[in-house]
Amino acid sequence: MEYYLELLLKLSPVLILLVTGFLGVALFKSAKKRKGVAMAFGMMAQMFLPDPQVEKTIETIISVKRNVNEQEDQKDDKLPIK
C-alpha cells in the first residue's frame, strides 16, 4: 500500500497536467459548439483569476474615452448655431 501511495505522489504532477489538458480540450470543444458550460467557466475564471494588466487596460480605456470626448467637443464647436 505504501508503494502505491508513494507512486501516486511522485506521478501527481503528471496526472494534474493530463487532467488539466483533457479539461482544456473538452472546454475548447464545447466553446466551439457554443455550449453554456464553456461560457460559465470563462466567466468564473474571469471573476476569480486576477488580470495582470488591469492598470494598463484601465489607462487605455480612459485615454480612448478622452479622445472620443475631445472629438465630440470639437464637432460641437464647429456646428453653426441656429
N, C-alpha and C. Protein backbone atom coordinates (compact mmCIF):
# COMPACT_ATOMS: atom_id res chain seq x y z
N MET A 1 0.83 -1.20 0.00
CA MET A 1 0.00 0.00 0.00
C MET A 1 0.87 1.25 0.00
N GLU A 2 1.95 1.24 0.75
CA GLU A 2 2.83 2.39 0.79
C GLU A 2 3.47 2.64 -0.58
N TYR A 3 3.75 1.57 -1.29
CA TYR A 3 4.36 1.69 -2.60
C TYR A 3 3.43 2.43 -3.56
N TYR A 4 2.15 2.11 -3.55
CA TYR A 4 1.20 2.75 -4.44
C TYR A 4 0.98 4.22 -4.06
N LEU A 5 0.96 4.50 -2.78
CA LEU A 5 0.81 5.87 -2.33
C LEU A 5 2.01 6.72 -2.75
N GLU A 6 3.20 6.16 -2.60
CA GLU A 6 4.41 6.87 -3.00
C GLU A 6 4.44 7.07 -4.52
N LEU A 7 4.02 6.07 -5.26
CA LEU A 7 3.96 6.19 -6.71
C LEU A 7 2.96 7.26 -7.14
N LEU A 8 1.82 7.29 -6.47
CA LEU A 8 0.80 8.31 -6.77
C LEU A 8 1.33 9.71 -6.48
N LEU A 9 2.05 9.88 -5.38
CA LEU A 9 2.60 11.18 -5.04
C LEU A 9 3.66 11.61 -6.05
N LYS A 10 4.47 10.67 -6.52
CA LYS A 10 5.51 11.01 -7.49
C LYS A 10 4.91 11.33 -8.86
N LEU A 11 3.82 10.69 -9.21
CA LEU A 11 3.19 10.91 -10.51
C LEU A 11 2.12 12.01 -10.49
N SER A 12 1.84 12.58 -9.34
CA SER A 12 0.76 13.56 -9.24
C SER A 12 0.96 14.78 -10.14
N PRO A 13 2.18 15.33 -10.31
CA PRO A 13 2.29 16.46 -11.24
C PRO A 13 1.91 16.09 -12.68
N VAL A 14 2.29 14.91 -13.10
CA VAL A 14 1.95 14.46 -14.45
C VAL A 14 0.45 14.23 -14.57
N LEU A 15 -0.14 13.65 -13.55
CA LEU A 15 -1.58 13.41 -13.58
C LEU A 15 -2.36 14.72 -13.60
N ILE A 16 -1.91 15.69 -12.81
CA ILE A 16 -2.58 17.00 -12.79
C ILE A 16 -2.47 17.66 -14.16
N LEU A 17 -1.31 17.56 -14.79
CA LEU A 17 -1.12 18.12 -16.12
C LEU A 17 -2.04 17.45 -17.15
N LEU A 18 -2.15 16.14 -17.08
CA LEU A 18 -3.02 15.42 -18.01
C LEU A 18 -4.49 15.78 -17.81
N VAL A 19 -4.92 15.84 -16.57
CA VAL A 19 -6.31 16.18 -16.28
C VAL A 19 -6.61 17.60 -16.75
N THR A 20 -5.69 18.52 -16.52
CA THR A 20 -5.88 19.90 -16.97
C THR A 20 -5.94 19.97 -18.50
N GLY A 21 -5.10 19.20 -19.15
CA GLY A 21 -5.12 19.16 -20.62
C GLY A 21 -6.43 18.64 -21.16
N PHE A 22 -6.91 17.53 -20.61
CA PHE A 22 -8.19 16.98 -21.05
C PHE A 22 -9.34 17.93 -20.77
N LEU A 23 -9.30 18.60 -19.63
CA LEU A 23 -10.33 19.58 -19.30
C LEU A 23 -10.30 20.74 -20.30
N GLY A 24 -9.10 21.18 -20.66
CA GLY A 24 -8.97 22.26 -21.63
C GLY A 24 -9.50 21.87 -22.99
N VAL A 25 -9.19 20.66 -23.43
CA VAL A 25 -9.69 20.18 -24.73
C VAL A 25 -11.21 20.09 -24.71
N ALA A 26 -11.76 19.57 -23.61
CA ALA A 26 -13.22 19.45 -23.51
C ALA A 26 -13.88 20.83 -23.52
N LEU A 27 -13.31 21.79 -22.79
CA LEU A 27 -13.87 23.13 -22.78
C LEU A 27 -13.74 23.80 -24.15
N PHE A 28 -12.64 23.56 -24.83
CA PHE A 28 -12.44 24.14 -26.16
C PHE A 28 -13.48 23.61 -27.14
N LYS A 29 -13.72 22.31 -27.09
CA LYS A 29 -14.72 21.72 -27.99
C LYS A 29 -16.12 22.25 -27.67
N SER A 30 -16.44 22.38 -26.38
CA SER A 30 -17.77 22.89 -26.02
C SER A 30 -17.90 24.37 -26.35
N ALA A 31 -16.78 25.12 -26.30
CA ALA A 31 -16.83 26.53 -26.67
C ALA A 31 -17.07 26.68 -28.17
N LYS A 32 -16.50 25.79 -28.96
CA LYS A 32 -16.73 25.84 -30.41
C LYS A 32 -18.20 25.57 -30.73
N LYS A 33 -18.84 24.73 -29.93
CA LYS A 33 -20.25 24.42 -30.14
C LYS A 33 -21.16 25.42 -29.44
N ARG A 34 -20.56 26.43 -28.82
CA ARG A 34 -21.28 27.49 -28.09
C ARG A 34 -22.15 26.92 -26.98
N LYS A 35 -21.57 26.05 -26.19
CA LYS A 35 -22.28 25.49 -25.04
C LYS A 35 -22.15 26.43 -23.84
N GLY A 36 -23.10 26.35 -22.95
CA GLY A 36 -23.11 27.22 -21.78
C GLY A 36 -22.04 26.88 -20.76
N VAL A 37 -21.57 25.64 -20.75
CA VAL A 37 -20.56 25.22 -19.78
C VAL A 37 -19.27 26.01 -19.99
N ALA A 38 -18.85 26.14 -21.22
CA ALA A 38 -17.63 26.87 -21.52
C ALA A 38 -17.79 28.34 -21.18
N MET A 39 -18.96 28.88 -21.47
CA MET A 39 -19.22 30.28 -21.17
C MET A 39 -19.20 30.53 -19.67
N ALA A 40 -19.82 29.63 -18.91
CA ALA A 40 -19.85 29.78 -17.46
C ALA A 40 -18.45 29.63 -16.87
N PHE A 41 -17.67 28.68 -17.38
CA PHE A 41 -16.31 28.51 -16.89
C PHE A 41 -15.47 29.75 -17.18
N GLY A 42 -15.62 30.32 -18.36
CA GLY A 42 -14.89 31.53 -18.71
C GLY A 42 -15.25 32.70 -17.82
N MET A 43 -16.54 32.85 -17.52
CA MET A 43 -16.97 33.93 -16.64
C MET A 43 -16.42 33.75 -15.24
N MET A 44 -16.48 32.52 -14.73
CA MET A 44 -15.95 32.26 -13.39
C MET A 44 -14.45 32.50 -13.33
N ALA A 45 -13.74 32.06 -14.35
CA ALA A 45 -12.30 32.27 -14.37
C ALA A 45 -11.99 33.76 -14.42
N GLN A 46 -12.75 34.52 -15.19
CA GLN A 46 -12.53 35.96 -15.27
C GLN A 46 -12.81 36.65 -13.94
N MET A 47 -13.80 36.14 -13.20
CA MET A 47 -14.13 36.75 -11.91
C MET A 47 -13.08 36.45 -10.85
N PHE A 48 -12.58 35.23 -10.81
CA PHE A 48 -11.73 34.82 -9.69
C PHE A 48 -10.23 34.92 -9.96
N LEU A 49 -9.81 34.90 -11.21
CA LEU A 49 -8.39 35.00 -11.51
C LEU A 49 -8.03 36.46 -11.75
N PRO A 50 -6.93 36.91 -11.19
CA PRO A 50 -6.56 38.33 -11.37
C PRO A 50 -6.04 38.59 -12.78
N ASP A 51 -6.30 39.78 -13.25
CA ASP A 51 -5.81 40.21 -14.56
C ASP A 51 -4.48 40.94 -14.35
N PRO A 52 -3.38 40.43 -14.88
CA PRO A 52 -2.09 41.05 -14.62
C PRO A 52 -1.91 42.42 -15.27
N GLN A 53 -2.75 42.75 -16.23
CA GLN A 53 -2.61 44.03 -16.92
C GLN A 53 -3.80 44.94 -16.66
N VAL A 54 -4.34 44.90 -15.44
CA VAL A 54 -5.53 45.69 -15.12
C VAL A 54 -5.24 47.18 -15.28
N GLU A 55 -4.12 47.64 -14.73
CA GLU A 55 -3.82 49.07 -14.78
C GLU A 55 -3.65 49.54 -16.23
N LYS A 56 -2.99 48.75 -17.04
CA LYS A 56 -2.79 49.12 -18.44
C LYS A 56 -4.13 49.18 -19.17
N THR A 57 -5.00 48.23 -18.89
CA THR A 57 -6.32 48.20 -19.53
C THR A 57 -7.13 49.42 -19.13
N ILE A 58 -7.11 49.77 -17.85
CA ILE A 58 -7.86 50.93 -17.36
C ILE A 58 -7.33 52.21 -18.00
N GLU A 59 -6.00 52.35 -18.07
CA GLU A 59 -5.43 53.54 -18.69
C GLU A 59 -5.80 53.64 -20.17
N THR A 60 -5.82 52.53 -20.86
CA THR A 60 -6.19 52.51 -22.28
C THR A 60 -7.64 52.95 -22.45
N ILE A 61 -8.52 52.44 -21.62
CA ILE A 61 -9.94 52.81 -21.71
C ILE A 61 -10.14 54.29 -21.43
N ILE A 62 -9.45 54.80 -20.42
CA ILE A 62 -9.57 56.22 -20.07
C ILE A 62 -9.08 57.09 -21.22
N SER A 63 -7.95 56.73 -21.83
CA SER A 63 -7.42 57.55 -22.92
C SER A 63 -8.35 57.51 -24.14
N VAL A 64 -8.94 56.37 -24.42
CA VAL A 64 -9.88 56.28 -25.55
C VAL A 64 -11.11 57.14 -25.29
N LYS A 65 -11.62 57.11 -24.06
CA LYS A 65 -12.79 57.93 -23.72
C LYS A 65 -12.46 59.41 -23.83
N ARG A 66 -11.26 59.80 -23.40
CA ARG A 66 -10.86 61.20 -23.52
C ARG A 66 -10.82 61.63 -24.99
N ASN A 67 -10.24 60.78 -25.83
CA ASN A 67 -10.16 61.11 -27.26
C ASN A 67 -11.54 61.26 -27.87
N VAL A 68 -12.46 60.37 -27.50
CA VAL A 68 -13.82 60.44 -28.04
C VAL A 68 -14.50 61.72 -27.56
N ASN A 69 -14.33 62.07 -26.28
CA ASN A 69 -14.94 63.28 -25.74
C ASN A 69 -14.36 64.53 -26.40
N GLU A 70 -13.05 64.54 -26.64
CA GLU A 70 -12.43 65.68 -27.30
C GLU A 70 -12.94 65.83 -28.73
N GLN A 71 -13.10 64.71 -29.43
CA GLN A 71 -13.61 64.77 -30.79
C GLN A 71 -15.05 65.29 -30.82
N GLU A 72 -15.86 64.87 -29.85
CA GLU A 72 -17.25 65.34 -29.78
C GLU A 72 -17.29 66.83 -29.48
N ASP A 73 -16.40 67.30 -28.60
CA ASP A 73 -16.36 68.73 -28.28
C ASP A 73 -15.95 69.55 -29.50
N GLN A 74 -15.01 69.05 -30.28
CA GLN A 74 -14.57 69.75 -31.48
C GLN A 74 -15.70 69.80 -32.50
N LYS A 75 -16.47 68.73 -32.62
CA LYS A 75 -17.60 68.72 -33.56
C LYS A 75 -18.66 69.73 -33.11
N ASP A 76 -18.89 69.80 -31.80
CA ASP A 76 -19.90 70.75 -31.28
C ASP A 76 -19.45 72.19 -31.51
N ASP A 77 -18.16 72.47 -31.43
CA ASP A 77 -17.65 73.82 -31.64
C ASP A 77 -17.78 74.23 -33.10
N LYS A 78 -17.68 73.31 -34.02
CA LYS A 78 -17.72 73.61 -35.46
C LYS A 78 -19.13 73.75 -35.98
N LEU A 79 -20.13 73.24 -35.25
CA LEU A 79 -21.51 73.33 -35.73
C LEU A 79 -22.01 74.77 -35.65
N PRO A 80 -22.67 75.24 -36.69
CA PRO A 80 -23.21 76.61 -36.64
C PRO A 80 -24.43 76.66 -35.70
N ILE A 81 -24.52 77.75 -34.99
CA ILE A 81 -25.64 77.92 -34.05
C ILE A 81 -26.81 78.54 -34.82
N LYS A 82 -27.99 77.97 -34.69
CA LYS A 82 -29.18 78.47 -35.40
C LYS A 82 -30.09 79.14 -34.45
